Amino acid sequence: MTPLIYIIIFSLLSSFGSLAIAGIIVALPEIIMRRLVPWMVNFAMGTLLGAALLGMLPNALEALPSRTAMSVVLATFVGFFILESIVLWRHCHDSRCPVHSTGGVLILVGDALHNFVDGLVIASAFLTSTSVGITASLAVIAHEIPQEAGDFAILLQSGYTRRKALILNTLSASTTFIGAAAAYFGINVLRSASPYVLCVSAASFLYIALADLIPGRRGGKKIATLVVELALIGAGVATIAILRIHP
C-alpha cells in the first residue's frame, strides 16, 4: 500500500476507532469504567515513551544533527508548556482539576487541537517509513482511547446528554484526518521538513507522558498496584519495540 492509504486508514482508526472504543467504555457501569481507564492510561504511557524514544527520535537523528534535533524538542517542550499554561492544551484525566471546571467546551477545543497534531504525527511518520508510521499510530491510538473516555465522562458530568457528547466528540475527533491530510500534501512537497515534524511529534508524546500522565499516577500505592502499573507501562514499551523489529 502507498503511504497515503496507510495515512488514511490509521488516521481514521485513531480518530473514530478510539472514539468508538471510548464510547463503549463510557457505556459500561461507572464502577467498571473507573477501574479500567487508569490501567489503559498506564499502557498509553508506555506506548508514548516507546514511540518517541525508540521510533521517532532515532529516525529524526538519522537526518538531523543531534544538537538541531534536541533544540527542536526543547523548543517544543517550552511551547507546549506555554499553551498548557493558557489553557489551550490540556489533557488532564482528573475531572476535578481547574481546567475541567471551566466547562466542556474548553475540553472539546483542546481535544480538537490535539487531534489535529495527532494527524500531523501519523502522516509525517508514514512519510518517513511504514514501520515508524505504525508505531506512531499505535501510540496515538493507545493514548486517545483513555483520553476520549475521560472527555466523555467530563462532558456527561458537565450536563451534556450521551448523544450530544458523542456528536461533539466526533466533531473534535475529525480534526485528526484534517491534520493528516494537511501534513501529507504539505510534507510531500517539502519532505525535508519531515525530520523536524518527527522531533515535534516525539516531544509532544514525551510531554504528555511526563507532564500529564505520569504525575497523575503518583501518590501512595500498594506494592501490588505499582507492580501492575509498571507491567502495563512495560507492555506498552515492548509493543512498540516489537513493531520496530518486525514492521
Protein backbone atom coordinates (compact mmCIF):
# COMPACT_ATOMS: atom_id res chain seq x y z
CA MET A 1 0.00 0.00 0.00
CA THR A 2 1.09 3.58 -0.61
CA PRO A 3 1.83 5.97 2.29
CA LEU A 4 -1.40 7.85 1.52
CA ILE A 5 -3.52 4.71 2.01
CA TYR A 6 -1.76 3.96 5.31
CA ILE A 7 -2.28 7.56 6.44
CA ILE A 8 -5.99 7.45 5.62
CA ILE A 9 -6.54 4.10 7.37
CA PHE A 10 -4.61 4.91 10.54
CA SER A 11 -5.85 8.47 10.88
CA LEU A 12 -9.42 7.16 10.71
CA LEU A 13 -8.59 4.40 13.19
CA SER A 14 -7.00 6.94 15.52
CA SER A 15 -9.93 9.34 15.48
CA PHE A 16 -13.09 7.27 15.08
CA GLY A 17 -11.79 3.87 16.18
CA SER A 18 -10.52 5.15 19.52
CA LEU A 19 -13.68 7.25 19.85
CA ALA A 20 -15.88 4.17 19.35
CA ILE A 21 -13.92 2.14 21.90
CA ALA A 22 -14.02 5.04 24.35
CA GLY A 23 -17.78 5.29 23.85
CA ILE A 24 -18.18 1.61 24.68
CA ILE A 25 -16.07 2.07 27.80
CA VAL A 26 -18.15 5.04 28.93
CA ALA A 27 -21.32 2.99 28.37
CA LEU A 28 -20.08 0.47 30.93
CA PRO A 29 -21.20 0.77 34.55
CA GLU A 30 -19.32 3.59 36.25
CA ILE A 31 -17.56 1.32 38.73
CA ILE A 32 -16.05 -0.73 35.88
CA MET A 33 -15.06 2.35 33.87
CA ARG A 34 -13.25 3.85 36.84
CA ARG A 35 -11.21 0.68 37.24
CA LEU A 36 -10.45 0.20 33.53
CA VAL A 37 -9.38 3.69 32.43
CA PRO A 38 -6.39 4.01 34.82
CA TRP A 39 -4.92 0.75 33.52
CA MET A 40 -5.34 1.98 29.95
CA VAL A 41 -3.54 5.18 30.85
CA ASN A 42 -0.55 3.17 32.10
CA PHE A 43 -0.35 1.23 28.83
CA ALA A 44 -0.65 4.52 26.92
CA MET A 45 2.31 5.93 28.85
CA GLY A 46 4.45 3.03 27.71
CA THR A 47 3.48 3.37 24.05
CA LEU A 48 4.07 7.15 24.10
CA LEU A 49 7.53 6.77 25.63
CA GLY A 50 8.42 3.86 23.36
CA ALA A 51 7.26 5.55 20.16
CA ALA A 52 9.11 8.77 20.99
CA LEU A 53 12.40 7.26 22.20
CA LEU A 54 12.58 4.06 20.12
CA GLY A 55 10.98 5.24 16.89
CA MET A 56 10.59 8.95 16.20
CA LEU A 57 13.74 10.46 17.67
CA PRO A 58 16.13 7.79 16.31
CA ASN A 59 14.70 8.31 12.82
CA ALA A 60 14.90 12.08 13.15
CA LEU A 61 18.53 11.83 14.30
CA GLU A 62 19.38 9.92 11.13
CA ALA A 63 18.50 13.04 9.12
CA LEU A 64 19.40 15.86 11.53
CA PRO A 65 22.41 16.80 13.67
CA SER A 66 21.77 15.80 17.28
CA ARG A 67 22.02 19.40 18.52
CA THR A 68 19.43 20.54 15.98
CA ALA A 69 17.04 17.71 16.82
CA MET A 70 17.33 18.28 20.57
CA SER A 71 16.86 22.02 20.09
CA VAL A 72 13.57 21.35 18.29
CA VAL A 73 12.50 19.02 21.11
CA LEU A 74 13.39 21.64 23.74
CA ALA A 75 11.56 24.41 21.87
CA THR A 76 8.51 22.16 21.54
CA PHE A 77 8.51 21.43 25.28
CA VAL A 78 8.58 25.15 26.04
CA GLY A 79 5.84 25.81 23.50
CA PHE A 80 3.59 23.12 24.97
CA PHE A 81 4.17 24.48 28.46
CA ILE A 82 3.06 27.93 27.32
CA LEU A 83 -0.02 26.56 25.56
CA GLU A 84 -0.92 24.47 28.58
CA SER A 85 -0.47 27.47 30.85
CA ILE A 86 -3.05 29.48 28.89
CA VAL A 87 -5.42 26.50 28.88
CA LEU A 88 -5.38 25.79 25.17
CA TRP A 89 -3.66 22.45 25.51
CA ARG A 90 -4.51 20.24 28.41
CA HIS A 91 -5.28 16.55 28.80
CA CYS A 92 -5.90 16.14 32.49
CA HIS A 93 -7.56 12.86 33.46
CA ASP A 94 -8.88 14.20 36.76
CA SER A 95 -12.39 15.65 36.42
CA ARG A 96 -11.77 17.85 39.49
CA CYS A 97 -8.80 19.73 38.03
CA PRO A 98 -9.08 23.54 37.44
CA VAL A 99 -9.21 23.16 33.66
CA HIS A 100 -12.23 20.88 33.74
CA SER A 101 -14.09 23.31 35.96
CA THR A 102 -14.16 25.80 33.07
CA GLY A 103 -16.63 23.58 31.22
CA GLY A 104 -16.92 21.01 28.49
CA VAL A 105 -16.43 23.46 25.60
CA LEU A 106 -12.81 24.07 26.56
CA ILE A 107 -12.18 20.34 26.68
CA LEU A 108 -13.51 19.98 23.13
CA VAL A 109 -11.34 22.85 21.85
CA GLY A 110 -8.22 21.38 23.41
CA ASP A 111 -9.10 17.91 22.11
CA ALA A 112 -9.61 19.24 18.57
CA LEU A 113 -6.18 20.90 18.63
CA HIS A 114 -4.56 17.75 19.96
CA ASN A 115 -6.26 15.53 17.37
CA PHE A 116 -5.08 17.84 14.58
CA VAL A 117 -1.50 17.40 15.77
CA ASP A 118 -2.09 13.63 16.01
CA GLY A 119 -2.91 13.73 12.31
CA LEU A 120 0.34 15.56 11.62
CA VAL A 121 2.20 12.93 13.66
CA ILE A 122 0.68 10.00 11.78
CA ALA A 123 1.22 11.46 8.32
CA SER A 124 4.79 12.61 8.94
CA ALA A 125 5.67 9.23 10.47
CA PHE A 126 4.34 7.26 7.46
CA LEU A 127 6.18 9.58 5.10
CA THR A 128 9.36 8.53 6.92
CA SER A 129 8.66 4.77 6.79
CA THR A 130 5.83 2.30 7.24
CA SER A 131 7.26 0.88 10.48
CA VAL A 132 7.62 4.34 12.02
CA GLY A 133 4.09 5.18 10.92
CA ILE A 134 2.61 2.05 12.50
CA THR A 135 4.44 2.56 15.83
CA ALA A 136 3.47 6.23 15.94
CA SER A 137 -0.16 5.43 15.12
CA LEU A 138 -0.29 2.75 17.80
CA ALA A 139 0.99 5.22 20.39
CA VAL A 140 -1.56 7.82 19.27
CA ILE A 141 -4.43 5.33 19.45
CA ALA A 142 -3.32 3.98 22.85
CA HIS A 143 -3.32 7.50 24.25
CA GLU A 144 -6.54 8.54 22.54
CA ILE A 145 -8.70 5.76 23.99
CA PRO A 146 -8.32 6.73 27.68
CA GLN A 147 -8.33 10.41 26.74
CA GLU A 148 -11.59 10.12 24.80
CA ALA A 149 -13.11 8.07 27.62
CA GLY A 150 -12.12 10.82 30.04
CA ASP A 151 -13.53 13.52 27.76
CA PHE A 152 -16.82 11.64 27.52
CA ALA A 153 -17.02 11.43 31.28
CA ILE A 154 -16.26 15.16 31.63
CA LEU A 155 -18.95 16.16 29.13
CA LEU A 156 -21.52 13.96 30.83
CA GLN A 157 -20.57 15.44 34.17
CA SER A 158 -20.91 18.94 32.66
CA GLY A 159 -24.57 18.24 31.81
CA TYR A 160 -24.37 17.02 28.21
CA THR A 161 -26.51 14.08 27.17
CA ARG A 162 -24.74 10.93 25.96
CA ARG A 163 -25.95 11.63 22.40
CA LYS A 164 -24.71 15.25 22.39
CA ALA A 165 -21.41 14.25 23.97
CA LEU A 166 -20.91 11.64 21.23
CA ILE A 167 -21.70 14.13 18.44
CA LEU A 168 -19.38 16.82 19.82
CA ASN A 169 -16.56 14.36 20.46
CA THR A 170 -16.94 13.02 16.92
CA LEU A 171 -16.54 16.55 15.53
CA SER A 172 -13.41 17.15 17.58
CA ALA A 173 -12.04 13.74 16.52
CA SER A 174 -12.43 14.61 12.82
CA THR A 175 -9.54 17.06 13.05
CA THR A 176 -7.15 14.07 13.08
CA PHE A 177 -7.97 13.37 9.44
CA ILE A 178 -7.70 17.09 8.59
CA GLY A 179 -4.25 17.25 10.19
CA ALA A 180 -3.14 14.09 8.38
CA ALA A 181 -4.28 15.47 5.01
CA ALA A 182 -2.58 18.80 5.63
CA ALA A 183 0.65 17.08 6.62
CA TYR A 184 0.61 14.68 3.67
CA PHE A 185 0.14 17.30 0.99
CA GLY A 186 2.45 19.77 2.72
CA ILE A 187 5.29 17.42 3.62
CA ASN A 188 5.01 15.55 0.33
CA VAL A 189 6.14 18.79 -1.33
CA LEU A 190 8.76 19.60 1.31
CA ARG A 191 9.98 16.25 2.56
CA SER A 192 12.95 17.93 4.24
CA ALA A 193 10.53 19.10 6.93
CA SER A 194 9.67 15.53 7.97
CA PRO A 195 12.54 15.05 10.49
CA TYR A 196 11.60 18.32 12.21
CA VAL A 197 7.97 17.25 12.44
CA LEU A 198 9.10 13.92 13.93
CA CYS A 199 11.03 15.86 16.59
CA VAL A 200 7.95 17.92 17.40
CA SER A 201 5.82 14.78 17.47
CA ALA A 202 8.27 12.96 19.74
CA ALA A 203 8.36 15.96 22.06
CA SER A 204 4.56 16.03 22.20
CA PHE A 205 4.46 12.34 23.18
CA LEU A 206 7.12 12.86 25.85
CA TYR A 207 5.42 15.97 27.18
CA ILE A 208 2.05 14.26 27.50
CA ALA A 209 3.61 11.24 29.23
CA LEU A 210 5.96 13.14 31.55
CA ALA A 211 3.96 16.29 32.34
CA ASP A 212 0.43 14.91 32.34
CA LEU A 213 0.05 11.15 32.61
CA ILE A 214 2.91 10.23 34.95
CA PRO A 215 2.18 12.90 37.60
CA GLY A 216 -1.43 11.71 37.64
CA ARG A 217 -0.27 8.18 38.56
CA ARG A 218 1.79 9.29 41.59
CA GLY A 219 0.71 9.01 45.18
CA GLY A 220 0.59 6.39 47.90
CA LYS A 221 0.12 2.95 46.38
CA LYS A 222 0.33 -0.65 47.39
CA ILE A 223 3.24 -2.65 46.03
CA ALA A 224 0.88 -4.86 44.04
CA THR A 225 -0.68 -1.82 42.32
CA LEU A 226 2.76 -0.42 41.49
CA VAL A 227 3.85 -3.74 40.01
CA VAL A 228 0.77 -3.90 37.77
CA GLU A 229 1.28 -0.30 36.61
CA LEU A 230 4.94 -0.95 35.79
CA ALA A 231 3.97 -4.12 33.93
CA LEU A 232 1.43 -2.20 31.81
CA ILE A 233 3.94 0.58 31.06
CA GLY A 234 6.48 -2.09 30.14
CA ALA A 235 3.91 -3.81 27.92
CA GLY A 236 3.35 -0.54 26.08
CA VAL A 237 7.08 -0.05 25.51
CA ALA A 238 7.51 -3.71 24.49
CA THR A 239 4.67 -3.45 21.97
CA ILE A 240 6.42 -0.54 20.26
CA ALA A 241 9.80 -2.32 20.39
CA ILE A 242 8.35 -5.47 18.79
CA LEU A 243 6.73 -3.47 15.99
CA ARG A 244 10.05 -1.72 15.38
CA ILE A 245 11.81 -5.08 15.00
CA HIS A 246 9.02 -6.70 12.96
CA PRO A 247 7.35 -3.88 10.95
